[in-house]
Amino acid sequence: MHELPVMKSILDIVLTQAQKHHVLKIRVIHLEVGMLSDLEAEWMQRYFDYLSRGTVAENAELKIRWIPVVFKCQACGTSMEADKKRLQDIVCTVCGNKQMDLIAGREYYIKNMEVE
């Protein structure tokens, strides 16, 4: 259910931009969402549809590009993608260090919109 406040924030942003640029209709919203965000595409669209009723974003399609989980080794600086199901096993493939910094995978943002 944490998709609801996220989609409310996204809707607020797109409506603000639509008003600022005199948009009549928002057709598609391109989002980039990290694999660790715990957001689900189906629920994102459902909540967005519910929240956007009666606005210029009503019936807009959400197109989501999933951002992989990426870590950076604290010892050698190597960046690597990781399987979100095996995070406890993450080890640098270059130097074997286990101290890693998460650099991608939790974020979500609006990339762009297709409008009329």
Protein backbone atom coordinates (compact mmCIF):
# COMPACT_ATOMS: atom_id res chain seq x y z
CA MET A 1 0.00 0.00 0.00
CA HIS A 2 3.00 2.30 0.04
CA GLU A 3 2.35 2.89 -3.67
CA LEU A 4 -0.52 5.25 -2.77
CA PRO A 5 1.55 8.12 -1.28
CA VAL A 6 4.19 7.67 -3.98
CA MET A 7 1.61 7.94 -6.73
CA LYS A 8 0.04 10.95 -5.02
CA SER A 9 3.43 12.69 -5.10
CA ILE A 10 3.96 11.78 -8.75
CA LEU A 11 0.49 13.01 -9.67
CA ASP A 12 1.07 16.31 -7.85
CA ILE A 13 4.29 16.84 -9.79
CA VAL A 14 2.83 16.03 -13.21
CA LEU A 15 -0.24 18.19 -12.60
CA THR A 16 1.94 21.11 -11.53
CA GLN A 17 4.03 20.76 -14.68
CA ALA A 18 0.93 20.33 -16.84
CA GLN A 19 -0.55 23.55 -15.51
CA LYS A 20 2.75 25.41 -15.88
CA HIS A 21 3.03 24.37 -19.54
CA HIS A 22 -0.69 24.63 -20.44
CA VAL A 23 -1.04 20.90 -21.13
CA LEU A 24 -4.52 19.75 -22.10
CA LYS A 25 -3.99 16.01 -21.63
CA ILE A 26 -1.27 13.77 -20.24
CA ARG A 27 -1.15 10.54 -22.24
CA VAL A 28 1.93 8.71 -20.90
CA ILE A 29 4.20 9.20 -17.91
CA HIS A 30 7.63 7.60 -18.15
CA LEU A 31 8.98 6.60 -14.74
CA GLU A 32 12.30 5.16 -13.65
CA VAL A 33 11.97 2.99 -10.56
CA GLY A 34 14.63 1.17 -8.59
CA MET A 35 14.29 -2.58 -8.10
CA LEU A 36 14.61 -2.11 -4.32
CA SER A 37 11.82 0.47 -4.11
CA ASP A 38 9.30 -2.30 -3.35
CA LEU A 39 6.84 -0.63 -5.73
CA GLU A 40 4.71 -2.87 -7.94
CA ALA A 41 3.75 -1.74 -11.43
CA GLU A 42 0.19 -3.03 -11.22
CA TRP A 43 -0.55 -1.20 -7.98
CA MET A 44 1.22 1.94 -9.16
CA GLN A 45 -1.11 2.10 -12.17
CA ARG A 46 -4.22 1.27 -10.12
CA TYR A 47 -3.53 3.97 -7.54
CA PHE A 48 -2.59 6.48 -10.21
CA ASP A 49 -5.84 5.77 -12.07
CA TYR A 50 -7.81 6.26 -8.86
CA LEU A 51 -6.05 9.48 -7.87
CA SER A 52 -6.05 11.06 -11.33
CA ARG A 53 -9.79 10.83 -11.98
CA GLY A 54 -11.13 14.15 -13.20
CA THR A 55 -7.68 15.60 -13.97
CA VAL A 56 -5.70 16.10 -17.19
CA ALA A 57 -3.81 12.93 -16.19
CA GLU A 58 -6.92 10.73 -16.14
CA ASN A 59 -6.28 7.50 -18.11
CA ALA A 60 -2.57 8.26 -18.46
CA GLU A 61 -0.42 5.17 -18.92
CA LEU A 62 2.56 4.65 -16.65
CA LYS A 63 5.57 3.26 -18.49
CA ILE A 64 8.15 2.03 -16.04
CA ARG A 65 11.84 1.37 -16.63
CA TRP A 66 13.23 -0.66 -13.75
CA ILE A 67 16.62 0.49 -12.48
CA PRO A 68 18.89 -2.36 -11.36
CA VAL A 69 20.48 -2.61 -7.93
CA VAL A 70 24.06 -1.31 -8.16
CA PHE A 71 26.71 -1.32 -5.47
CA LYS A 72 30.16 0.28 -5.35
CA CYS A 73 33.02 -1.37 -3.50
CA GLN A 74 34.41 0.79 -0.69
CA ALA A 75 37.89 -0.68 -1.16
CA CYS A 76 38.55 -0.59 -4.90
CA GLY A 77 35.66 1.49 -6.28
CA THR A 78 34.33 -1.18 -8.61
CA SER A 79 30.62 -0.83 -9.40
CA MET A 80 28.50 -3.92 -9.95
CA GLU A 81 24.87 -4.93 -10.38
CA ALA A 82 23.38 -7.23 -7.76
CA ASP A 83 20.43 -9.57 -7.62
CA LYS A 84 18.00 -8.11 -5.07
CA LYS A 85 17.32 -11.62 -3.75
CA ARG A 86 20.99 -12.18 -2.89
CA LEU A 87 22.03 -8.89 -1.29
CA GLN A 88 23.38 -10.57 1.84
CA ASP A 89 25.94 -12.38 -0.36
CA ILE A 90 27.29 -9.32 -2.19
CA VAL A 91 31.06 -9.38 -2.53
CA CYS A 92 33.26 -7.32 -4.84
CA THR A 93 34.08 -9.36 -7.91
CA VAL A 94 37.46 -7.64 -8.23
CA CYS A 95 38.93 -7.55 -4.72
CA GLY A 96 36.59 -9.72 -2.61
CA ASN A 97 35.66 -6.89 -0.21
CA LYS A 98 32.26 -7.09 1.49
CA GLN A 99 31.92 -3.38 2.33
CA MET A 100 29.71 -1.96 -0.40
CA ASP A 101 27.77 1.27 -0.89
CA LEU A 102 24.37 1.19 -2.58
CA ILE A 103 24.46 3.65 -5.48
CA ALA A 104 21.27 2.72 -7.39
CA GLY A 105 18.12 0.72 -6.89
CA ARG A 106 15.94 2.55 -4.36
CA GLU A 107 15.06 5.66 -6.35
CA TYR A 108 11.99 6.56 -8.36
CA TYR A 109 11.44 9.58 -10.52
CA ILE A 110 9.58 10.98 -13.50
CA LYS A 111 11.68 10.77 -16.66
CA ASN A 112 9.26 12.58 -18.98
CA MET A 113 5.64 12.81 -20.12
CA GLU A 114 3.82 12.51 -23.43
CA VAL A 115 1.17 15.22 -23.60
CA GLU A 116 -1.26 17.10 -25.83
